[in-house]
Amino acid sequence: MTTLTYYSETGPLRDAALFMKFYSQVPEHRRRKIDSFVFDKDKRLSLGVELLLRKALEDLGEDPDSLQPAHVANGKPMLKGTDIEFNLSHSEERVMCSVSDRPVGCDVEMVRPIDLDLARRYFYGSEYEGIKAEDDPDRRYDLFYRYWTLKESFMKATGLGFELPLDSFCIHLDHEITVDQSVDSETYRFAEYFLDDGYRYAVCSQSGDFPPGMRHVGFDKYS
């Protein structure tokens, strides 16, 4: 199965009527999660990832309302009643969802200035050295987030999440992105998607079949 990835912007969900329309369509467990957030931005992000997951499941011929959420080790989400695996991510005003028939992880991050000492403290040594070698500050920040999204997508695909230390595995940014890891004997593949929108997007899956682009879902047109 191809690893499909969907993305959207949550700006349209600022419209209260549109937000409530979609809120009324999602399952109770998602409504409870949305209600648990204090800030409207977080409510929009929580609703947005759910809408992307529902769209992905519909495209795969599944009925989203018939599938019940569950969790496996380390809290990784799954769905009862299907072999489809999924992962969700969000950052600022972007939401992302990847689906596959193999373990999958995805991550989106807004690129912005950050204390690069974080890379020295937490990244693998060669990753930090690559970032430090960049002369242009903007390129350093972009490379930091490139590593970050790839690393987090891998951590999520393994099912370990942040139980896996960031410096315990190494991402190689060659023609084909690879990872040196000792978590398991599986082969993990990566895809990056470039939209020139100020965000970095990365997907990791045990399936190496990635389409050339993500599928965009416009919430102002989606019903």
Protein backbone atom coordinates (compact mmCIF):
# COMPACT_ATOMS: atom_id res chain seq x y z
CA MET A 1 0.00 0.00 0.00
CA THR A 2 1.22 3.50 -0.82
CA THR A 3 1.89 5.66 2.22
CA LEU A 4 -0.51 8.56 1.70
CA THR A 5 -0.10 11.93 3.40
CA TYR A 6 -2.67 14.69 3.78
CA TYR A 7 -2.23 18.26 4.96
CA SER A 8 -4.26 21.40 5.48
CA GLU A 9 -4.35 24.88 6.98
CA THR A 10 -6.53 25.52 10.03
CA GLY A 11 -7.22 29.18 9.18
CA PRO A 12 -10.72 28.48 7.80
CA LEU A 13 -11.67 26.87 11.14
CA ARG A 14 -11.50 30.33 12.74
CA ASP A 15 -15.01 30.70 11.35
CA ALA A 16 -17.18 29.68 14.29
CA ALA A 17 -20.00 28.27 12.15
CA LEU A 18 -17.60 26.12 10.10
CA PHE A 19 -15.81 24.96 13.23
CA MET A 20 -19.06 23.87 14.88
CA LYS A 21 -20.23 22.16 11.68
CA PHE A 22 -17.17 19.92 11.69
CA TYR A 23 -17.11 19.60 15.49
CA SER A 24 -20.60 18.07 15.35
CA GLN A 25 -19.40 15.47 12.80
CA VAL A 26 -16.41 14.05 14.67
CA PRO A 27 -16.72 11.25 17.26
CA GLU A 28 -17.23 11.88 20.94
CA HIS A 29 -13.66 10.97 21.93
CA ARG A 30 -12.32 13.70 19.62
CA ARG A 31 -14.85 16.24 20.89
CA ARG A 32 -13.69 15.51 24.45
CA LYS A 33 -10.11 16.08 23.41
CA ILE A 34 -10.97 19.32 21.64
CA ASP A 35 -12.88 20.52 24.71
CA SER A 36 -9.87 19.78 26.93
CA PHE A 37 -7.83 22.52 25.28
CA VAL A 38 -7.89 26.07 26.64
CA PHE A 39 -6.77 27.96 23.55
CA ASP A 40 -8.75 28.18 20.34
CA LYS A 41 -5.65 27.48 18.23
CA ASP A 42 -5.21 24.10 19.92
CA LYS A 43 -8.88 23.29 19.45
CA ARG A 44 -8.56 24.00 15.73
CA LEU A 45 -5.47 21.83 15.44
CA SER A 46 -7.14 18.93 17.24
CA LEU A 47 -10.21 19.17 15.03
CA GLY A 48 -8.06 19.57 11.91
CA VAL A 49 -6.04 16.37 12.36
CA GLU A 50 -9.24 14.42 12.98
CA LEU A 51 -10.76 15.76 9.75
CA LEU A 52 -7.66 14.72 7.81
CA LEU A 53 -7.78 11.22 9.29
CA ARG A 54 -11.44 10.87 8.41
CA LYS A 55 -10.77 12.03 4.85
CA ALA A 56 -7.90 9.53 4.50
CA LEU A 57 -10.04 6.66 5.78
CA GLU A 58 -12.88 7.58 3.43
CA ASP A 59 -10.47 7.63 0.48
CA LEU A 60 -9.37 4.11 1.47
CA GLY A 61 -12.95 2.88 1.53
CA GLU A 62 -13.31 2.78 5.32
CA ASP A 63 -16.17 4.18 7.39
CA PRO A 64 -14.51 6.45 9.98
CA ASP A 65 -17.49 6.21 12.31
CA SER A 66 -17.21 2.41 12.52
CA LEU A 67 -13.59 2.40 13.72
CA GLN A 68 -12.81 2.73 17.40
CA PRO A 69 -9.56 4.28 18.67
CA ALA A 70 -7.13 2.29 20.77
CA HIS A 71 -3.54 2.61 21.93
CA VAL A 72 -0.59 0.26 21.92
CA ALA A 73 2.71 0.50 23.79
CA ASN A 74 3.91 4.05 24.49
CA GLY A 75 0.49 5.42 23.65
CA LYS A 76 0.79 5.11 19.87
CA PRO A 77 -2.73 5.45 18.43
CA MET A 78 -4.35 2.78 16.30
CA LEU A 79 -7.81 1.90 15.05
CA LYS A 80 -9.71 -1.27 15.92
CA GLY A 81 -11.24 -3.12 13.00
CA THR A 82 -8.73 -2.21 10.30
CA ASP A 83 -5.12 -2.91 9.34
CA ILE A 84 -4.60 0.73 8.39
CA GLU A 85 -1.94 2.48 10.45
CA PHE A 86 -1.88 6.25 10.82
CA ASN A 87 -0.05 9.12 12.40
CA LEU A 88 -0.98 12.75 13.02
CA SER A 89 1.02 15.94 13.45
CA HIS A 90 0.40 19.66 13.71
CA SER A 91 2.28 22.92 14.10
CA GLU A 92 0.91 26.46 14.38
CA GLU A 93 -1.64 26.50 11.52
CA ARG A 94 -0.73 23.28 9.71
CA VAL A 95 -2.12 19.80 10.25
CA MET A 96 -0.83 16.57 8.75
CA CYS A 97 -1.92 12.92 8.57
CA SER A 98 -0.16 9.88 7.07
CA VAL A 99 -1.75 6.47 6.51
CA SER A 100 -0.20 3.15 5.50
CA ASP A 101 -0.52 -0.60 5.95
CA ARG A 102 2.88 -0.55 7.72
CA PRO A 103 4.06 1.43 10.77
CA VAL A 104 4.21 5.11 9.87
CA GLY A 105 5.14 8.41 11.48
CA CYS A 106 4.87 11.99 10.26
CA ASP A 107 5.86 15.42 11.49
CA VAL A 108 5.32 19.04 10.47
CA GLU A 109 7.14 21.95 12.05
CA MET A 110 7.09 25.69 11.41
CA VAL A 111 10.59 26.93 10.60
CA ARG A 112 11.56 29.78 12.92
CA PRO A 113 14.60 30.91 14.93
CA ILE A 114 15.47 28.54 17.75
CA ASP A 115 18.35 28.05 20.16
CA LEU A 116 20.56 25.72 18.13
CA ASP A 117 22.24 24.59 21.32
CA LEU A 118 19.31 22.16 21.44
CA ALA A 119 20.91 20.32 18.52
CA ARG A 120 24.25 20.17 20.31
CA ARG A 121 22.62 18.77 23.44
CA TYR A 122 20.16 16.34 21.91
CA PHE A 123 21.01 15.49 18.28
CA TYR A 124 23.48 12.91 17.06
CA GLY A 125 26.97 14.40 16.79
CA SER A 126 27.24 14.39 12.99
CA GLU A 127 23.79 15.97 12.68
CA TYR A 128 24.83 18.85 14.90
CA GLU A 129 28.12 19.26 13.04
CA GLY A 130 26.22 19.54 9.77
CA ILE A 131 23.99 22.25 11.19
CA LYS A 132 26.93 24.14 12.69
CA ALA A 133 28.80 24.04 9.36
CA GLU A 134 26.10 26.12 7.64
CA ASP A 135 27.21 29.77 7.36
CA ASP A 136 23.80 31.25 6.63
CA PRO A 137 21.53 31.50 9.73
CA ASP A 138 18.37 30.80 7.73
CA ARG A 139 19.92 27.65 6.26
CA ARG A 140 20.99 26.54 9.75
CA TYR A 141 17.45 26.89 11.06
CA ASP A 142 16.02 25.11 8.03
CA LEU A 143 18.49 22.25 8.43
CA PHE A 144 17.66 21.98 12.14
CA TYR A 145 13.98 21.55 11.34
CA ARG A 146 14.77 19.18 8.50
CA TYR A 147 16.58 16.90 10.93
CA TRP A 148 13.92 17.44 13.60
CA THR A 149 10.97 16.41 11.39
CA LEU A 150 12.82 13.40 10.00
CA LYS A 151 13.90 12.29 13.47
CA GLU A 152 10.46 12.74 15.01
CA SER A 153 8.78 10.93 12.12
CA PHE A 154 11.15 7.99 12.71
CA MET A 155 10.55 8.01 16.47
CA LYS A 156 6.80 7.91 15.88
CA ALA A 157 7.06 5.17 13.23
CA THR A 158 8.93 2.93 15.69
CA GLY A 159 6.11 3.37 18.20
CA LEU A 160 8.54 4.63 20.84
CA GLY A 161 8.08 8.35 20.37
CA PHE A 162 10.17 10.39 22.80
CA GLU A 163 10.98 7.26 24.77
CA LEU A 164 13.67 6.98 22.10
CA PRO A 165 16.51 9.47 22.78
CA LEU A 166 17.16 11.85 19.90
CA ASP A 167 20.88 11.11 19.96
CA SER A 168 20.48 7.31 19.89
CA PHE A 169 20.08 7.19 16.10
CA CYS A 170 21.51 9.12 13.17
CA ILE A 171 19.80 10.51 10.06
CA HIS A 172 21.89 10.65 6.88
CA LEU A 173 20.83 13.25 4.33
CA ASP A 174 22.19 11.55 1.25
CA HIS A 175 20.45 11.16 -2.12
CA GLU A 176 18.28 8.63 -0.28
CA ILE A 177 17.63 9.54 3.34
CA THR A 178 18.60 6.72 5.67
CA VAL A 179 18.83 6.11 9.40
CA ASP A 180 21.41 4.28 11.52
CA GLN A 181 19.41 2.77 14.36
CA SER A 182 19.41 -0.14 16.78
CA VAL A 183 15.71 -0.17 17.70
CA ASP A 184 14.86 -3.13 15.49
CA SER A 185 15.87 -4.93 12.31
CA GLU A 186 13.29 -3.19 10.12
CA THR A 187 14.15 -0.93 7.20
CA TYR A 188 12.68 2.56 7.44
CA ARG A 189 12.13 4.82 4.46
CA PHE A 190 11.62 8.57 4.42
CA ALA A 191 9.86 11.19 2.34
CA GLU A 192 10.07 14.97 2.59
CA TYR A 193 7.56 17.36 1.06
CA PHE A 194 8.52 20.94 0.17
CA LEU A 195 5.76 23.52 -0.14
CA ASP A 196 7.77 26.72 0.38
CA ASP A 197 5.22 27.79 3.00
CA GLY A 198 7.54 28.19 5.98
CA TYR A 199 7.03 24.63 7.25
CA ARG A 200 8.95 21.36 7.03
CA TYR A 201 7.09 18.09 6.39
CA ALA A 202 8.54 14.58 6.79
CA VAL A 203 7.17 11.03 6.74
CA CYS A 204 8.79 7.77 7.82
CA SER A 205 7.39 4.34 7.05
CA GLN A 206 8.45 0.73 6.75
CA SER A 207 6.80 0.96 3.35
CA GLY A 208 9.02 2.72 0.81
CA ASP A 209 6.16 3.58 -1.53
CA PHE A 210 5.59 7.34 -1.28
CA PRO A 211 3.68 9.45 -3.81
CA PRO A 212 5.43 12.57 -5.14
CA GLY A 213 3.20 14.93 -3.18
CA MET A 214 0.80 15.27 -0.28
CA ARG A 215 -2.94 15.52 -0.73
CA HIS A 216 -4.33 18.92 0.21
CA VAL A 217 -7.67 19.17 1.99
CA GLY A 218 -9.28 22.62 2.02
CA PHE A 219 -11.48 22.82 5.09
CA ASP A 220 -13.46 25.68 3.55
CA LYS A 221 -14.44 23.32 0.70
CA TYR A 222 -14.48 19.99 2.56
CA SER A 223 -17.80 18.63 3.80
